[in-house]
C-alpha atoms as a PDB file:
ATOM      1  CA  UNK A   1      93.462 105.696  91.215  1.00  0.00           C
ATOM      2  CA  UNK A   2      90.544 103.315  90.732  1.00  0.00           C
ATOM      3  CA  UNK A   3      90.570 100.886  87.767  1.00  0.00           C
ATOM      4  CA  UNK A   4      87.478 102.616  86.349  1.00  0.00           C
ATOM      5  CA  UNK A   5      89.126 106.029  86.461  1.00  0.00           C
ATOM      6  CA  UNK A   6      92.305 104.583  84.934  1.00  0.00           C
ATOM      7  CA  UNK A   7      90.283 103.041  82.089  1.00  0.00           C
ATOM      8  CA  UNK A   8      88.398 106.310  81.537  1.00  0.00           C
ATOM      9  CA  UNK A   9      91.651 108.302  81.419  1.00  0.00           C
ATOM     10  CA  UNK A  10      93.141 105.768  78.980  1.00  0.00           C
ATOM     11  CA  UNK A  11      90.120 105.999  76.686  1.00  0.00           C
ATOM     12  CA  UNK A  12      90.212 109.809  76.757  1.00  0.00           C
ATOM     13  CA  UNK A  13      93.913 109.726  75.841  1.00  0.00           C
ATOM     14  CA  UNK A  14      93.277 107.291  72.986  1.00  0.00           C
ATOM     15  CA  UNK A  15      90.420 109.412  71.616  1.00  0.00           C
ATOM     16  CA  UNK A  16      92.605 112.510  71.885  1.00  0.00           C
ATOM     17  CA  UNK A  17      95.433 110.697  70.063  1.00  0.00           C
ATOM     18  CA  UNK A  18      93.095 109.641  67.254  1.00  0.00           C
ATOM     19  CA  UNK A  19      91.806 113.215  67.037  1.00  0.00           C
ATOM     20  CA  UNK A  20      95.398 114.490  66.700  1.00  0.00           C
ATOM     21  CA  UNK A  21      96.189 111.919  64.019  1.00  0.00           C
ATOM     22  CA  UNK A  22      93.097 112.814  62.034  1.00  0.00           C
ATOM     23  CA  UNK A  23      93.472 116.583  62.306  1.00  0.00           C
ATOM     24  CA  UNK A  24      97.233 117.109  62.265  1.00  0.00           C
ATOM     25  CA  UNK A  25      98.648 114.140  60.389  1.00  0.00           C
ATOM     26  CA  UNK A  26     100.803 111.325  61.709  1.00  0.00           C
ATOM     27  CA  UNK A  27     102.884 111.811  64.820  1.00  0.00           C
ATOM     28  CA  UNK A  28     106.357 110.392  65.170  1.00  0.00           C
ATOM     29  CA  UNK A  29     106.649 108.378  68.375  1.00  0.00           C
ATOM     30  CA  UNK A  30     110.107 107.749  69.756  1.00  0.00           C
ATOM     31  CA  UNK A  31     110.521 105.393  72.677  1.00  0.00           C
ATOM     32  CA  UNK A  32     113.726 104.208  74.262  1.00  0.00           C
ATOM     33  CA  UNK A  33     113.699 100.461  74.868  1.00  0.00           C
ATOM     34  CA  UNK A  34     113.182  99.670  78.556  1.00  0.00           C
ATOM     35  CA  UNK A  35     115.351  97.143  80.349  1.00  0.00           C
ATOM     36  CA  UNK A  36     113.670  93.717  80.164  1.00  0.00           C
ATOM     37  CA  UNK A  37     112.506  92.727  83.657  1.00  0.00           C
ATOM     38  CA  UNK A  38     109.742  90.176  83.050  1.00  0.00           C
ATOM     39  CA  UNK A  39     109.704  87.000  85.083  1.00  0.00           C
ATOM     40  CA  UNK A  40     108.481  83.706  83.661  1.00  0.00           C
ATOM     41  CA  UNK A  41     106.640  82.778  86.863  1.00  0.00           C
ATOM     42  CA  UNK A  42     103.328  84.469  86.044  1.00  0.00           C
ATOM     43  CA  UNK A  43     100.683  82.998  83.770  1.00  0.00           C
ATOM     44  CA  UNK A  44      99.371  85.881  81.719  1.00  0.00           C
ATOM     45  CA  UNK A  45      96.690  86.545  79.189  1.00  0.00           C
ATOM     46  CA  UNK A  46      97.333  88.331  75.921  1.00  0.00           C
ATOM     47  CA  UNK A  47      95.188  91.211  74.814  1.00  0.00           C
ATOM     48  CA  UNK A  48      96.598  93.445  72.076  1.00  0.00           C
ATOM     49  CA  UNK A  49      96.225  97.180  72.420  1.00  0.00           C
ATOM     50  CA  UNK A  50      93.187  98.547  70.646  1.00  0.00           C
ATOM     51  CA  UNK A  51      94.116  99.619  67.122  1.00  0.00           C
ATOM     52  CA  UNK A  52      94.032 103.334  66.451  1.00  0.00           C
ATOM     53  CA  UNK A  53      91.618 104.702  63.886  1.00  0.00           C
ATOM     54  CA  UNK A  54      94.658 105.233  61.644  1.00  0.00           C
ATOM     55  CA  UNK A  55      95.597 101.553  61.933  1.00  0.00           C
ATOM     56  CA  UNK A  56      91.983 100.571  61.260  1.00  0.00           C
ATOM     57  CA  UNK A  57      91.857 102.493  58.004  1.00  0.00           C
ATOM     58  CA  UNK A  58      95.417 102.727  56.657  1.00  0.00           C
ATOM     59  CA  UNK A  59      95.925  99.031  55.914  1.00  0.00           C
ATOM     60  CA  UNK A  60      93.638  97.075  53.675  1.00  0.00           C
ATOM     61  CA  UNK A  61      90.988  94.910  55.304  1.00  0.00           C
ATOM     62  CA  UNK A  62      92.745  91.663  54.307  1.00  0.00           C
ATOM     63  CA  UNK A  63      92.589  88.876  56.864  1.00  0.00           C
ATOM     64  CA  UNK A  64      95.555  86.534  57.108  1.00  0.00           C
ATOM     65  CA  UNK A  65      94.847  83.371  55.100  1.00  0.00           C
ATOM     66  CA  UNK A  66      94.812  79.965  56.788  1.00  0.00           C
ATOM     67  CA  UNK A  67      98.084  78.053  56.763  1.00  0.00           C
ATOM     68  CA  UNK A  68     100.558  80.612  58.185  1.00  0.00           C
ATOM     69  CA  UNK A  69     102.803  79.677  61.143  1.00  0.00           C
ATOM     70  CA  UNK A  70     105.126  81.676  63.392  1.00  0.00           C
ATOM     71  CA  UNK A  71     108.262  79.988  64.708  1.00  0.00           C
ATOM     72  CA  UNK A  72     111.000  81.174  67.060  1.00  0.00           C
ATOM     73  CA  UNK A  73     113.301  78.133  67.103  1.00  0.00           C
ATOM     74  CA  UNK A  74     115.490  79.044  70.106  1.00  0.00           C
ATOM     75  CA  UNK A  75     112.382  79.690  72.220  1.00  0.00           C
ATOM     76  CA  UNK A  76     110.554  76.604  70.904  1.00  0.00           C
ATOM     77  CA  UNK A  77     107.633  78.668  69.648  1.00  0.00           C
ATOM     78  CA  UNK A  78     105.776  77.079  66.732  1.00  0.00           C
ATOM     79  CA  UNK A  79     102.164  78.198  66.382  1.00  0.00           C
ATOM     80  CA  UNK A  80      99.576  78.492  63.640  1.00  0.00           C
ATOM     81  CA  UNK A  81      98.540  82.071  62.928  1.00  0.00           C
ATOM     82  CA  UNK A  82      94.840  82.835  62.856  1.00  0.00           C
ATOM     83  CA  UNK A  83      93.009  86.080  62.218  1.00  0.00           C
ATOM     84  CA  UNK A  84      92.296  87.971  65.427  1.00  0.00           C
ATOM     85  CA  UNK A  85      88.837  89.125  66.420  1.00  0.00           C
ATOM     86  CA  UNK A  86      88.736  92.606  67.980  1.00  0.00           C
ATOM     87  CA  UNK A  87      85.357  92.086  69.695  1.00  0.00           C
ATOM     88  CA  UNK A  88      86.371  88.747  71.178  1.00  0.00           C
ATOM     89  CA  UNK A  89      90.027  89.470  71.982  1.00  0.00           C
ATOM     90  CA  UNK A  90      89.848  93.086  73.169  1.00  0.00           C
ATOM     91  CA  UNK A  91      86.271  93.925  74.079  1.00  0.00           C
ATOM     92  CA  UNK A  92      85.394  90.607  75.777  1.00  0.00           C
ATOM     93  CA  UNK A  93      89.017  89.653  76.612  1.00  0.00           C
ATOM     94  CA  UNK A  94      88.504  86.056  75.473  1.00  0.00           C
ATOM     95  CA  UNK A  95      91.485  85.388  73.210  1.00  0.00           C
ATOM     96  CA  UNK A  96      91.500  81.667  72.325  1.00  0.00           C
ATOM     97  CA  UNK A  97      94.493  79.466  73.104  1.00  0.00           C
ATOM     98  CA  UNK A  98      96.627  77.291  70.840  1.00  0.00           C
ATOM     99  CA  UNK A  99      97.492  79.890  68.208  1.00  0.00           C
ATOM    100  CA  UNK A 100      99.083  83.262  67.569  1.00  0.00           C
ATOM    101  CA  UNK A 101      96.694  85.875  66.221  1.00  0.00           C
ATOM    102  CA  UNK A 102      97.114  88.478  63.481  1.00  0.00           C
ATOM    103  CA  UNK A 103      95.748  91.868  64.521  1.00  0.00           C
ATOM    104  CA  UNK A 104      93.123  92.764  61.918  1.00  0.00           C
ATOM    105  CA  UNK A 105      94.140  95.409  59.416  1.00  0.00           C
ATOM    106  CA  UNK A 106      97.859  95.141  60.078  1.00  0.00           C
ATOM    107  CA  UNK A 107     100.039  93.893  57.220  1.00  0.00           C
ATOM    108  CA  UNK A 108     100.229  90.278  56.113  1.00  0.00           C
ATOM    109  CA  UNK A 109     103.816  88.952  56.500  1.00  0.00           C
ATOM    110  CA  UNK A 110     105.823  89.792  53.386  1.00  0.00           C
ATOM    111  CA  UNK A 111     103.635  92.798  52.445  1.00  0.00           C
ATOM    112  CA  UNK A 112     106.318  95.354  53.390  1.00  0.00           C
ATOM    113  CA  UNK A 113     104.831  96.910  56.531  1.00  0.00           C
ATOM    114  CA  UNK A 114     104.062  96.085  60.176  1.00  0.00           C
ATOM    115  CA  UNK A 115     102.569  92.651  60.901  1.00  0.00           C
ATOM    116  CA  UNK A 116     101.236  92.530  64.474  1.00  0.00           C
ATOM    117  CA  UNK A 117     100.916  89.068  66.061  1.00  0.00           C
ATOM    118  CA  UNK A 118      99.806  88.323  69.615  1.00  0.00           C
ATOM    119  CA  UNK A 119      99.298  85.235  71.787  1.00  0.00           C
ATOM    120  CA  UNK A 120      98.828  84.280  75.423  1.00  0.00           C
ATOM    121  CA  UNK A 121     101.844  84.187  77.732  1.00  0.00           C
ATOM    122  CA  UNK A 122     101.340  80.499  78.415  1.00  0.00           C
ATOM    123  CA  UNK A 123     103.508  77.422  77.998  1.00  0.00           C
ATOM    124  CA  UNK A 124     103.445  76.295  74.373  1.00  0.00           C
ATOM    125  CA  UNK A 125     102.381  79.742  73.225  1.00  0.00           C
ATOM    126  CA  UNK A 126     104.202  83.096  73.701  1.00  0.00           C
ATOM    127  CA  UNK A 127     105.344  82.654  77.341  1.00  0.00           C
ATOM    128  CA  UNK A 128     108.910  81.917  76.205  1.00  0.00           C
ATOM    129  CA  UNK A 129     108.868  85.220  74.286  1.00  0.00           C
ATOM    130  CA  UNK A 130     109.809  86.723  77.676  1.00  0.00           C
ATOM    131  CA  UNK A 131     113.277  85.200  77.053  1.00  0.00           C
ATOM    132  CA  UNK A 132     113.689  86.721  73.578  1.00  0.00           C
ATOM    133  CA  UNK A 133     117.027  88.369  72.792  1.00  0.00           C
ATOM    134  CA  UNK A 134     118.254  90.580  69.998  1.00  0.00           C
ATOM    135  CA  UNK A 135     119.536  88.301  67.251  1.00  0.00           C
ATOM    136  CA  UNK A 136     116.942  85.525  67.748  1.00  0.00           C
ATOM    137  CA  UNK A 137     115.564  84.089  64.516  1.00  0.00           C
ATOM    138  CA  UNK A 138     111.831  84.394  63.827  1.00  0.00           C
ATOM    139  CA  UNK A 139     110.335  82.460  60.926  1.00  0.00           C
ATOM    140  CA  UNK A 140     106.996  82.844  59.210  1.00  0.00           C
ATOM    141  CA  UNK A 141     105.945  79.848  57.149  1.00  0.00           C
ATOM    142  CA  UNK A 142     103.415  80.740  54.463  1.00  0.00           C
ATOM    143  CA  UNK A 143     100.580  78.486  53.247  1.00  0.00           C
ATOM    144  CA  UNK A 144     102.611  77.571  50.152  1.00  0.00           C
ATOM    145  CA  UNK A 145     105.559  76.400  52.287  1.00  0.00           C
ATOM    146  CA  UNK A 146     107.759  79.458  51.743  1.00  0.00           C
ATOM    147  CA  UNK A 147     109.732  80.603  54.803  1.00  0.00           C
ATOM    148  CA  UNK A 148     110.149  84.315  55.561  1.00  0.00           C
ATOM    149  CA  UNK A 149     113.160  84.840  57.860  1.00  0.00           C
ATOM    150  CA  UNK A 150     113.350  87.662  60.398  1.00  0.00           C
ATOM    151  CA  UNK A 151     115.731  88.575  63.218  1.00  0.00           C
ATOM    152  CA  UNK A 152     114.825  90.162  66.567  1.00  0.00           C
ATOM    153  CA  UNK A 153     116.062  93.762  66.759  1.00  0.00           C
ATOM    154  CA  UNK A 154     114.115  95.107  69.765  1.00  0.00           C
ATOM    155  CA  UNK A 155     112.781  93.672  73.022  1.00  0.00           C
ATOM    156  CA  UNK A 156     110.451  95.859  75.122  1.00  0.00           C
ATOM    157  CA  UNK A 157     109.488  94.173  78.400  1.00  0.00           C
ATOM    158  CA  UNK A 158     107.020  96.682  79.857  1.00  0.00           C
ATOM    159  CA  UNK A 159     104.977  98.506  77.239  1.00  0.00           C
ATOM    160  CA  UNK A 160     101.902 100.273  78.703  1.00  0.00           C
ATOM    161  CA  UNK A 161      98.689  98.425  77.832  1.00  0.00           C
ATOM    162  CA  UNK A 162      97.293 101.504  76.059  1.00  0.00           C
ATOM    163  CA  UNK A 163     100.395 102.291  73.957  1.00  0.00           C
ATOM    164  CA  UNK A 164      99.061 101.851  70.425  1.00  0.00           C
ATOM    165  CA  UNK A 165     102.016 103.013  68.316  1.00  0.00           C
ATOM    166  CA  UNK A 166     103.136  99.382  67.942  1.00  0.00           C
ATOM    167  CA  UNK A 167     100.154  98.531  65.711  1.00  0.00           C
ATOM    168  CA  UNK A 168     100.664 101.371  63.230  1.00  0.00           C
ATOM    169  CA  UNK A 169     101.837 100.730  59.667  1.00  0.00           C
ATOM    170  CA  UNK A 170     105.573 101.066  59.064  1.00  0.00           C
ATOM    171  CA  UNK A 171     107.387 102.102  55.886  1.00  0.00           C
ATOM    172  CA  UNK A 172     109.426  98.883  55.962  1.00  0.00           C
ATOM    173  CA  UNK A 173     108.717  95.212  56.661  1.00  0.00           C
ATOM    174  CA  UNK A 174     108.635  94.155  60.306  1.00  0.00           C
ATOM    175  CA  UNK A 175     106.982  91.724  62.701  1.00  0.00           C
ATOM    176  CA  UNK A 176     105.684  92.928  66.039  1.00  0.00           C
ATOM    177  CA  UNK A 177     105.103  90.035  68.449  1.00  0.00           C
ATOM    178  CA  UNK A 178     103.192  90.757  71.648  1.00  0.00           C
ATOM    179  CA  UNK A 179     102.177  88.964  74.796  1.00  0.00           C
ATOM    180  CA  UNK A 180     101.215  90.097  78.285  1.00  0.00           C
ATOM    181  CA  UNK A 181     103.184  90.312  81.514  1.00  0.00           C
ATOM    182  CA  UNK A 182     100.295  89.551  83.861  1.00  0.00           C
ATOM    183  CA  UNK A 183      96.699  88.359  83.985  1.00  0.00           C
ATOM    184  CA  UNK A 184      95.009  91.760  84.177  1.00  0.00           C
ATOM    185  CA  UNK A 185      93.953  93.833  81.152  1.00  0.00           C
ATOM    186  CA  UNK A 186      95.887  96.858  82.473  1.00  0.00           C
ATOM    187  CA  UNK A 187      99.167  94.942  82.908  1.00  0.00           C
ATOM    188  CA  UNK A 188     102.017  96.021  80.600  1.00  0.00           C
ATOM    189  CA  UNK A 189     102.599  94.196  77.329  1.00  0.00           C
ATOM    190  CA  UNK A 190     105.791  92.422  76.292  1.00  0.00           C
ATOM    191  CA  UNK A 191     106.693  93.437  72.731  1.00  0.00           C
ATOM    192  CA  UNK A 192     109.349  92.016  70.410  1.00  0.00           C
ATOM    193  CA  UNK A 193     110.184  93.587  67.038  1.00  0.00           C
ATOM    194  CA  UNK A 194     111.816  91.535  64.282  1.00  0.00           C
ATOM    195  CA  UNK A 195     112.992  92.715  60.855  1.00  0.00           C
ATOM    196  CA  UNK A 196     113.750  90.750  57.683  1.00  0.00           C
ATOM    197  CA  UNK A 197     116.993  88.825  57.927  1.00  0.00           C
ATOM    198  CA  UNK A 198     119.573  89.926  55.384  1.00  0.00           C
END
């Protein structure tokens, strides 16, 4: 199948999914975690999946304030968090380097729902996320110096690029961290889910 046809089919499926959400209410998506198989030999870009219409409108329009950081100590990840830009990061596929990005209209860390963060799979960024394991600590440092502690509960190594359920609001607090597995926009995503540490 040609890349153009694949993209067209993906867009039709996304539009159909949004139509279902708007006309029939929320769907419950259940996905078994795949076996992690990513290799750290590829330099990859990071493009988050496009947010669904539900994700665009369910959360408030709050951007993440300056001064947040995401840290995964065992993986030596320590990045500032900046607000993502849908036009730049998804439409033009020009996500900047040197930071993790908050997907617009997902929760701010500590707000009690799904916070979606993404960054390039490059050294010094989210490349080492490919080595994440259940039980890893994830820390969010807020602008006032408070630390929010999370623990990795799920690792999904090959999430289809057009799987948008990961950006939806959740009834409980969680972090969804995402990077890519290859340099092409249609390559699968690598997704890690962390929940508040108790």
